[in-house]
Amino acid sequence: MKITRVGATAHVREKLLEKHGVEWHEVEEVMAQGLHPRRGKKAHGEPRYNLVGRTTAGRELKVIFAWEAEGEARVVTAFDAGKQPRKK
């Protein structure tokens, strides 16, 4: 799985910042590292994948995404790797 494009809805980008304190450029930094994603649980009928990586500032993030099309990842959420996101 080679990721060539990374995207997210405006709602997801807002949630990343408001709920998890993660800026979009940090997500892009982690996704651009060429790390090998791990398969996660299915959600809403689609397989999810996750990556754990460090930003250029050294922050360790876990990014959860869905595979949209050839090379395209749609970010669902991202948060500090040592923390689990809180449920609504």
PDB file of N, CA and C in Angstrom:
ATOM      1  N   MET A   1       0.854  -1.170   0.000  1.00  0.00           N
ATOM      2  CA  MET A   1       0.000   0.000   0.000  1.00  0.00           C
ATOM      3  C   MET A   1       0.901   1.233   0.000  1.00  0.00           C
ATOM      4  N   LYS A   2       0.897   1.950  -1.086  1.00  0.00           N
ATOM      5  CA  LYS A   2       1.681   3.178  -1.196  1.00  0.00           C
ATOM      6  C   LYS A   2       0.732   4.369  -1.202  1.00  0.00           C
ATOM      7  N   ILE A   3       0.894   5.238  -0.238  1.00  0.00           N
ATOM      8  CA  ILE A   3       0.039   6.415  -0.108  1.00  0.00           C
ATOM      9  C   ILE A   3       0.665   7.566  -0.899  1.00  0.00           C
ATOM     10  N   THR A   4      -0.096   8.068  -1.859  1.00  0.00           N
ATOM     11  CA  THR A   4       0.388   9.191  -2.652  1.00  0.00           C
ATOM     12  C   THR A   4      -0.403  10.467  -2.394  1.00  0.00           C
ATOM     13  N   ARG A   5      -1.625  10.325  -1.862  1.00  0.00           N
ATOM     14  CA  ARG A   5      -2.467  11.483  -1.531  1.00  0.00           C
ATOM     15  C   ARG A   5      -3.145  11.246  -0.197  1.00  0.00           C
ATOM     16  N   VAL A   6      -3.275  12.328   0.565  1.00  0.00           N
ATOM     17  CA  VAL A   6      -3.922  12.264   1.877  1.00  0.00           C
ATOM     18  C   VAL A   6      -4.982  13.352   1.925  1.00  0.00           C
ATOM     19  N   GLY A   7      -6.180  12.986   2.355  1.00  0.00           N
ATOM     20  CA  GLY A   7      -7.251  13.962   2.447  1.00  0.00           C
ATOM     21  C   GLY A   7      -8.110  13.741   3.670  1.00  0.00           C
ATOM     22  N   ALA A   8      -8.967  14.699   3.934  1.00  0.00           N
ATOM     23  CA  ALA A   8      -9.934  14.612   5.030  1.00  0.00           C
ATOM     24  C   ALA A   8     -10.990  15.673   4.796  1.00  0.00           C
ATOM     25  N   THR A   9     -12.163  15.436   5.319  1.00  0.00           N
ATOM     26  CA  THR A   9     -13.225  16.424   5.213  1.00  0.00           C
ATOM     27  C   THR A   9     -12.901  17.608   6.123  1.00  0.00           C
ATOM     28  N   ALA A  10     -13.561  18.724   5.882  1.00  0.00           N
ATOM     29  CA  ALA A  10     -13.383  19.906   6.728  1.00  0.00           C
ATOM     30  C   ALA A  10     -13.777  19.593   8.171  1.00  0.00           C
ATOM     31  N   HIS A  11     -14.831  18.789   8.337  1.00  0.00           N
ATOM     32  CA  HIS A  11     -15.285  18.403   9.673  1.00  0.00           C
ATOM     33  C   HIS A  11     -14.194  17.632  10.417  1.00  0.00           C
ATOM     34  N   VAL A  12     -13.560  16.696   9.745  1.00  0.00           N
ATOM     35  CA  VAL A  12     -12.500  15.904  10.380  1.00  0.00           C
ATOM     36  C   VAL A  12     -11.322  16.804  10.747  1.00  0.00           C
ATOM     37  N   ARG A  13     -10.937  17.694   9.864  1.00  0.00           N
ATOM     38  CA  ARG A  13      -9.816  18.593  10.156  1.00  0.00           C
ATOM     39  C   ARG A  13     -10.111  19.466  11.370  1.00  0.00           C
ATOM     40  N   GLU A  14     -11.345  19.946  11.490  1.00  0.00           N
ATOM     41  CA  GLU A  14     -11.733  20.743  12.660  1.00  0.00           C
ATOM     42  C   GLU A  14     -11.678  19.897  13.922  1.00  0.00           C
ATOM     43  N   LYS A  15     -12.182  18.665  13.840  1.00  0.00           N
ATOM     44  CA  LYS A  15     -12.191  17.772  15.007  1.00  0.00           C
ATOM     45  C   LYS A  15     -10.771  17.457  15.459  1.00  0.00           C
ATOM     46  N   LEU A  16      -9.864  17.258  14.508  1.00  0.00           N
ATOM     47  CA  LEU A  16      -8.475  16.968  14.865  1.00  0.00           C
ATOM     48  C   LEU A  16      -7.911  18.062  15.764  1.00  0.00           C
ATOM     49  N   LEU A  17      -8.154  19.297  15.391  1.00  0.00           N
ATOM     50  CA  LEU A  17      -7.616  20.414  16.149  1.00  0.00           C
ATOM     51  C   LEU A  17      -8.373  20.635  17.455  1.00  0.00           C
ATOM     52  N   GLU A  18      -9.695  20.665  17.397  1.00  0.00           N
ATOM     53  CA  GLU A  18     -10.501  20.966  18.581  1.00  0.00           C
ATOM     54  C   GLU A  18     -10.469  19.856  19.630  1.00  0.00           C
ATOM     55  N   LYS A  19     -10.622  18.621  19.198  1.00  0.00           N
ATOM     56  CA  LYS A  19     -10.739  17.507  20.136  1.00  0.00           C
ATOM     57  C   LYS A  19      -9.386  16.929  20.546  1.00  0.00           C
ATOM     58  N   HIS A  20      -8.451  16.865  19.586  1.00  0.00           N
ATOM     59  CA  HIS A  20      -7.183  16.182  19.853  1.00  0.00           C
ATOM     60  C   HIS A  20      -5.962  17.097  19.824  1.00  0.00           C
ATOM     61  N   GLY A  21      -6.149  18.366  19.442  1.00  0.00           N
ATOM     62  CA  GLY A  21      -5.032  19.291  19.396  1.00  0.00           C
ATOM     63  C   GLY A  21      -4.013  18.966  18.313  1.00  0.00           C
ATOM     64  N   VAL A  22      -4.468  18.301  17.254  1.00  0.00           N
ATOM     65  CA  VAL A  22      -3.588  17.895  16.157  1.00  0.00           C
ATOM     66  C   VAL A  22      -3.836  18.802  14.955  1.00  0.00           C
ATOM     67  N   GLU A  23      -2.776  19.402  14.451  1.00  0.00           N
ATOM     68  CA  GLU A  23      -2.891  20.256  13.274  1.00  0.00           C
ATOM     69  C   GLU A  23      -2.711  19.407  12.014  1.00  0.00           C
ATOM     70  N   TRP A  24      -3.346  19.850  10.927  1.00  0.00           N
ATOM     71  CA  TRP A  24      -3.341  19.076   9.687  1.00  0.00           C
ATOM     72  C   TRP A  24      -1.924  18.834   9.162  1.00  0.00           C
ATOM     73  N   HIS A  25      -1.053  19.814   9.274  1.00  0.00           N
ATOM     74  CA  HIS A  25       0.316  19.632   8.767  1.00  0.00           C
ATOM     75  C   HIS A  25       1.034  18.511   9.513  1.00  0.00           C
ATOM     76  N   GLU A  26       0.676  18.283  10.787  1.00  0.00           N
ATOM     77  CA  GLU A  26       1.277  17.183  11.548  1.00  0.00           C
ATOM     78  C   GLU A  26       0.844  15.836  10.972  1.00  0.00           C
ATOM     79  N   VAL A  27      -0.428  15.728  10.606  1.00  0.00           N
ATOM     80  CA  VAL A  27      -0.934  14.503   9.983  1.00  0.00           C
ATOM     81  C   VAL A  27      -0.198  14.259   8.668  1.00  0.00           C
ATOM     82  N   GLU A  28      -0.057  15.296   7.873  1.00  0.00           N
ATOM     83  CA  GLU A  28       0.635  15.159   6.591  1.00  0.00           C
ATOM     84  C   GLU A  28       2.088  14.715   6.778  1.00  0.00           C
ATOM     85  N   GLU A  29       2.749  15.234   7.810  1.00  0.00           N
ATOM     86  CA  GLU A  29       4.130  14.838   8.089  1.00  0.00           C
ATOM     87  C   GLU A  29       4.235  13.350   8.389  1.00  0.00           C
ATOM     88  N   VAL A  30       3.329  12.849   9.213  1.00  0.00           N
ATOM     89  CA  VAL A  30       3.346  11.423   9.562  1.00  0.00           C
ATOM     90  C   VAL A  30       3.023  10.562   8.342  1.00  0.00           C
ATOM     91  N   MET A  31       2.007  10.959   7.588  1.00  0.00           N
ATOM     92  CA  MET A  31       1.592  10.170   6.427  1.00  0.00           C
ATOM     93  C   MET A  31       2.652  10.168   5.320  1.00  0.00           C
ATOM     94  N   ALA A  32       3.468  11.192   5.248  1.00  0.00           N
ATOM     95  CA  ALA A  32       4.474  11.306   4.186  1.00  0.00           C
ATOM     96  C   ALA A  32       5.739  10.487   4.462  1.00  0.00           C
ATOM     97  N   GLN A  33       5.825   9.859   5.617  1.00  0.00           N
ATOM     98  CA  GLN A  33       7.044   9.148   5.998  1.00  0.00           C
ATOM     99  C   GLN A  33       7.226   7.801   5.304  1.00  0.00           C
ATOM    100  N   GLY A  34       6.211   7.340   4.605  1.00  0.00           N
ATOM    101  CA  GLY A  34       6.335   6.058   3.920  1.00  0.00           C
ATOM    102  C   GLY A  34       6.308   4.855   4.852  1.00  0.00           C
ATOM    103  N   LEU A  35       5.708   5.024   6.015  1.00  0.00           N
ATOM    104  CA  LEU A  35       5.600   3.931   6.976  1.00  0.00           C
ATOM    105  C   LEU A  35       4.599   2.896   6.480  1.00  0.00           C
ATOM    106  N   HIS A  36       4.713   1.692   6.992  1.00  0.00           N
ATOM    107  CA  HIS A  36       3.786   0.632   6.607  1.00  0.00           C
ATOM    108  C   HIS A  36       2.597   0.634   7.565  1.00  0.00           C
ATOM    109  N   PRO A  37       1.401   0.874   7.057  1.00  0.00           N
ATOM    110  CA  PRO A  37       0.223   0.903   7.925  1.00  0.00           C
ATOM    111  C   PRO A  37      -0.162  -0.494   8.389  1.00  0.00           C
ATOM    112  N   ARG A  38      -0.811  -0.529   9.523  1.00  0.00           N
ATOM    113  CA  ARG A  38      -1.372  -1.778  10.053  1.00  0.00           C
ATOM    114  C   ARG A  38      -2.868  -1.763   9.845  1.00  0.00           C
ATOM    115  N   ARG A  39      -3.409  -2.920   9.577  1.00  0.00           N
ATOM    116  CA  ARG A  39      -4.852  -3.034   9.402  1.00  0.00           C
ATOM    117  C   ARG A  39      -5.520  -2.957  10.762  1.00  0.00           C
ATOM    118  N   GLY A  40      -6.546  -2.138  10.850  1.00  0.00           N
ATOM    119  CA  GLY A  40      -7.288  -1.987  12.093  1.00  0.00           C
ATOM    120  C   GLY A  40      -8.653  -2.651  11.977  1.00  0.00           C
ATOM    121  N   LYS A  41      -9.544  -2.269  12.854  1.00  0.00           N
ATOM    122  CA  LYS A  41     -10.902  -2.811  12.847  1.00  0.00           C
ATOM    123  C   LYS A  41     -11.721  -2.166  11.744  1.00  0.00           C
ATOM    124  N   LYS A  42     -12.736  -2.879  11.292  1.00  0.00           N
ATOM    125  CA  LYS A  42     -13.679  -2.296  10.346  1.00  0.00           C
ATOM    126  C   LYS A  42     -14.582  -1.322  11.096  1.00  0.00           C
ATOM    127  N   ALA A  43     -14.943  -0.248  10.406  1.00  0.00           N
ATOM    128  CA  ALA A  43     -15.872   0.719  10.972  1.00  0.00           C
ATOM    129  C   ALA A  43     -16.742   1.237   9.844  1.00  0.00           C
ATOM    130  N   HIS A  44     -18.019   1.289  10.085  1.00  0.00           N
ATOM    131  CA  HIS A  44     -18.978   1.749   9.074  1.00  0.00           C
ATOM    132  C   HIS A  44     -18.843   0.946   7.773  1.00  0.00           C
ATOM    133  N   GLY A  45     -18.545  -0.345   7.919  1.00  0.00           N
ATOM    134  CA  GLY A  45     -18.478  -1.239   6.772  1.00  0.00           C
ATOM    135  C   GLY A  45     -17.216  -1.142   5.942  1.00  0.00           C
ATOM    136  N   GLU A  46     -16.223  -0.394   6.401  1.00  0.00           N
ATOM    137  CA  GLU A  46     -14.987  -0.288   5.624  1.00  0.00           C
ATOM    138  C   GLU A  46     -13.778  -0.609   6.502  1.00  0.00           C
ATOM    139  N   PRO A  47     -12.760  -1.204   5.917  1.00  0.00           N
ATOM    140  CA  PRO A  47     -11.548  -1.473   6.690  1.00  0.00           C
ATOM    141  C   PRO A  47     -10.835  -0.165   7.035  1.00  0.00           C
ATOM    142  N   ARG A  48     -10.270  -0.129   8.201  1.00  0.00           N
ATOM    143  CA  ARG A  48      -9.500   1.030   8.635  1.00  0.00           C
ATOM    144  C   ARG A  48      -8.046   0.600   8.824  1.00  0.00           C
ATOM    145  N   TYR A  49      -7.157   1.544   8.683  1.00  0.00           N
ATOM    146  CA  TYR A  49      -5.728   1.317   8.828  1.00  0.00           C
ATOM    147  C   TYR A  49      -5.177   2.360   9.781  1.00  0.00           C
ATOM    148  N   ASN A  50      -4.015   2.071  10.368  1.00  0.00           N
ATOM    149  CA  ASN A  50      -3.404   3.057  11.243  1.00  0.00           C
ATOM    150  C   ASN A  50      -1.898   3.096  11.062  1.00  0.00           C
ATOM    151  N   LEU A  51      -1.369   4.264  11.296  1.00  0.00           N
ATOM    152  CA  LEU A  51       0.067   4.520  11.271  1.00  0.00           C
ATOM    153  C   LEU A  51       0.445   5.213  12.563  1.00  0.00           C
ATOM    154  N   VAL A  52       1.613   4.892  13.072  1.00  0.00           N
ATOM    155  CA  VAL A  52       2.166   5.632  14.202  1.00  0.00           C
ATOM    156  C   VAL A  52       3.501   6.181  13.732  1.00  0.00           C
ATOM    157  N   GLY A  53       3.666   7.488  13.854  1.00  0.00           N
ATOM    158  CA  GLY A  53       4.896   8.124  13.428  1.00  0.00           C
ATOM    159  C   GLY A  53       5.116   9.422  14.170  1.00  0.00           C
ATOM    160  N   ARG A  54       6.304   9.980  13.969  1.00  0.00           N
ATOM    161  CA  ARG A  54       6.664  11.239  14.634  1.00  0.00           C
ATOM    162  C   ARG A  54       6.633  12.396  13.649  1.00  0.00           C
ATOM    163  N   THR A  55       6.155  13.521  14.145  1.00  0.00           N
ATOM    164  CA  THR A  55       6.195  14.749  13.355  1.00  0.00           C
ATOM    165  C   THR A  55       7.630  15.275  13.364  1.00  0.00           C
ATOM    166  N   THR A  56       7.903  16.286  12.557  1.00  0.00           N
ATOM    167  CA  THR A  56       9.255  16.849  12.544  1.00  0.00           C
ATOM    168  C   THR A  56       9.605  17.495  13.887  1.00  0.00           C
ATOM    169  N   ALA A  57       8.587  17.885  14.656  1.00  0.00           N
ATOM    170  CA  ALA A  57       8.806  18.450  15.987  1.00  0.00           C
ATOM    171  C   ALA A  57       8.972  17.364  17.053  1.00  0.00           C
ATOM    172  N   GLY A  58       8.799  16.086  16.672  1.00  0.00           N
ATOM    173  CA  GLY A  58       8.996  14.986  17.607  1.00  0.00           C
ATOM    174  C   GLY A  58       7.741  14.454  18.268  1.00  0.00           C
ATOM    175  N   ARG A  59       6.600  14.973  17.914  1.00  0.00           N
ATOM    176  CA  ARG A  59       5.341  14.506  18.502  1.00  0.00           C
ATOM    177  C   ARG A  59       4.952  13.173  17.867  1.00  0.00           C
ATOM    178  N   GLU A  60       4.634  12.177  18.695  1.00  0.00           N
ATOM    179  CA  GLU A  60       4.237  10.864  18.186  1.00  0.00           C
ATOM    180  C   GLU A  60       2.717  10.814  18.038  1.00  0.00           C
ATOM    181  N   LEU A  61       2.269  10.591  16.802  1.00  0.00           N
ATOM    182  CA  LEU A  61       0.835  10.552  16.510  1.00  0.00           C
ATOM    183  C   LEU A  61       0.426   9.200  15.955  1.00  0.00           C
ATOM    184  N   LYS A  62      -0.811   8.857  16.235  1.00  0.00           N
ATOM    185  CA  LYS A  62      -1.455   7.706  15.607  1.00  0.00           C
ATOM    186  C   LYS A  62      -2.506   8.264  14.663  1.00  0.00           C
ATOM    187  N   VAL A  63      -2.428   7.883  13.401  1.00  0.00           N
ATOM    188  CA  VAL A  63      -3.355   8.369  12.386  1.00  0.00           C
ATOM    189  C   VAL A  63      -4.189   7.186  11.904  1.00  0.00           C
ATOM    190  N   ILE A  64      -5.514   7.325  11.961  1.00  0.00           N
ATOM    191  CA  ILE A  64      -6.447   6.305  11.492  1.00  0.00           C
ATOM    192  C   ILE A  64      -7.016   6.787  10.165  1.00  0.00           C
ATOM    193  N   PHE A  65      -7.008   5.899   9.175  1.00  0.00           N
ATOM    194  CA  PHE A  65      -7.502   6.295   7.864  1.00  0.00           C
ATOM    195  C   PHE A  65      -8.163   5.140   7.138  1.00  0.00           C
ATOM    196  N   ALA A  66      -8.931   5.484   6.114  1.00  0.00           N
ATOM    197  CA  ALA A  66      -9.563   4.510   5.222  1.00  0.00           C
ATOM    198  C   ALA A  66      -8.882   4.629   3.865  1.00  0.00           C
ATOM    199  N   TRP A  67      -8.826   3.526   3.150  1.00  0.00           N
ATOM    200  CA  TRP A  67      -8.235   3.489   1.825  1.00  0.00           C
ATOM    201  C   TRP A  67      -9.327   3.807   0.823  1.00  0.00           C
ATOM    202  N   GLU A  68      -9.207   4.944   0.144  1.00  0.00           N
ATOM    203  CA  GLU A  68     -10.243   5.404  -0.771  1.00  0.00           C
ATOM    204  C   GLU A  68     -10.079   4.846  -2.179  1.00  0.00           C
ATOM    205  N   ALA A  69      -8.927   5.029  -2.741  1.00  0.00           N
ATOM    206  CA  ALA A  69      -8.667   4.633  -4.119  1.00  0.00           C
ATOM    207  C   ALA A  69      -7.174   4.398  -4.244  1.00  0.00           C
ATOM    208  N   GLU A  70      -6.742   4.061  -5.421  1.00  0.00           N
ATOM    209  CA  GLU A  70      -5.325   3.799  -5.638  1.00  0.00           C
ATOM    210  C   GLU A  70      -4.469   4.967  -5.150  1.00  0.00           C
ATOM    211  N   GLY A  71      -3.765   4.757  -4.064  1.00  0.00           N
ATOM    212  CA  GLY A  71      -2.869   5.771  -3.529  1.00  0.00           C
ATOM    213  C   GLY A  71      -3.487   6.811  -2.624  1.00  0.00           C
ATOM    214  N   GLU A  72      -4.812   6.804  -2.455  1.00  0.00           N
ATOM    215  CA  GLU A  72      -5.468   7.856  -1.677  1.00  0.00           C
ATOM    216  C   GLU A  72      -5.953   7.352  -0.323  1.00  0.00           C
ATOM    217  N   ALA A  73      -5.524   8.065   0.724  1.00  0.00           N
ATOM    218  CA  ALA A  73      -5.943   7.754   2.088  1.00  0.00           C
ATOM    219  C   ALA A  73      -6.848   8.873   2.586  1.00  0.00           C
ATOM    220  N   ARG A  74      -7.988   8.491   3.194  1.00  0.00           N
ATOM    221  CA  ARG A  74      -8.915   9.469   3.790  1.00  0.00           C
ATOM    222  C   ARG A  74      -8.779   9.368   5.305  1.00  0.00           C
ATOM    223  N   VAL A  75      -8.230  10.398   5.909  1.00  0.00           N
ATOM    224  CA  VAL A  75      -7.995  10.411   7.350  1.00  0.00           C
ATOM    225  C   VAL A  75      -9.321  10.492   8.085  1.00  0.00           C
ATOM    226  N   VAL A  76      -9.452   9.647   9.096  1.00  0.00           N
ATOM    227  CA  VAL A  76     -10.651   9.608   9.925  1.00  0.00           C
ATOM    228  C   VAL A  76     -10.401  10.336  11.234  1.00  0.00           C
ATOM    229  N   THR A  77      -9.228  10.112  11.836  1.00  0.00           N
ATOM    230  CA  THR A  77      -8.849  10.797  13.065  1.00  0.00           C
ATOM    231  C   THR A  77      -7.353  10.657  13.273  1.00  0.00           C
ATOM    232  N   ALA A  78      -6.834  11.442  14.196  1.00  0.00           N
ATOM    233  CA  ALA A  78      -5.432  11.356  14.599  1.00  0.00           C
ATOM    234  C   ALA A  78      -5.334  11.898  16.022  1.00  0.00           C
ATOM    235  N   PHE A  79      -4.432  11.311  16.806  1.00  0.00           N
ATOM    236  CA  PHE A  79      -4.289  11.713  18.200  1.00  0.00           C
ATOM    237  C   PHE A  79      -2.918  11.302  18.694  1.00  0.00           C
ATOM    238  N   ASP A  80      -2.534  11.808  19.866  1.00  0.00           N
ATOM    239  CA  ASP A  80      -1.247  11.426  20.443  1.00  0.00           C
ATOM    240  C   ASP A  80      -1.211   9.918  20.615  1.00  0.00           C
ATOM    241  N   ALA A  81      -0.115   9.300  20.183  1.00  0.00           N
ATOM    242  CA  ALA A  81      -0.034   7.839  20.147  1.00  0.00           C
ATOM    243  C   ALA A  81      -0.168   7.199  21.524  1.00  0.00           C
ATOM    244  N   GLY A  82       0.233   7.883  22.553  1.00  0.00           N
ATOM    245  CA  GLY A  82       0.145   7.323  23.903  1.00  0.00           C
ATOM    246  C   GLY A  82      -1.231   7.412  24.533  1.00  0.00           C
ATOM    247  N   LYS A  83      -2.160   8.083  23.867  1.00  0.00           N
ATOM    248  CA  LYS A  83      -3.509   8.287  24.412  1.00  0.00           C
ATOM    249  C   LYS A  83      -4.534   7.625  23.506  1.00  0.00           C
ATOM    250  N   GLN A  84      -5.575   7.136  24.090  1.00  0.00           N
ATOM    251  CA  GLN A  84      -6.711   6.639  23.315  1.00  0.00           C
ATOM    252  C   GLN A  84      -7.727   7.764  23.219  1.00  0.00           C
ATOM    253  N   PRO A  85      -8.342   7.943  22.061  1.00  0.00           N
ATOM    254  CA  PRO A  85      -9.338   9.020  21.946  1.00  0.00           C
ATOM    255  C   PRO A  85     -10.523   8.758  22.864  1.00  0.00           C
ATOM    256  N   ARG A  86     -11.084   9.823  23.383  1.00  0.00           N
ATOM    257  CA  ARG A  86     -12.262   9.635  24.239  1.00  0.00           C
ATOM    258  C   ARG A  86     -13.504   9.484  23.364  1.00  0.00           C
ATOM    259  N   LYS A  87     -14.393   8.636  23.824  1.00  0.00           N
ATOM    260  CA  LYS A  87     -15.631   8.365  23.099  1.00  0.00           C
ATOM    261  C   LYS A  87     -16.647   9.445  23.403  1.00  0.00           C
ATOM    262  N   LYS A  88     -17.543   9.670  22.437  1.00  0.00           N
ATOM    263  CA  LYS A  88     -18.624  10.646  22.653  1.00  0.00           C
ATOM    264  C   LYS A  88     -19.645  10.082  23.590  1.00  0.00           C
TER     265      LYS A  88
END
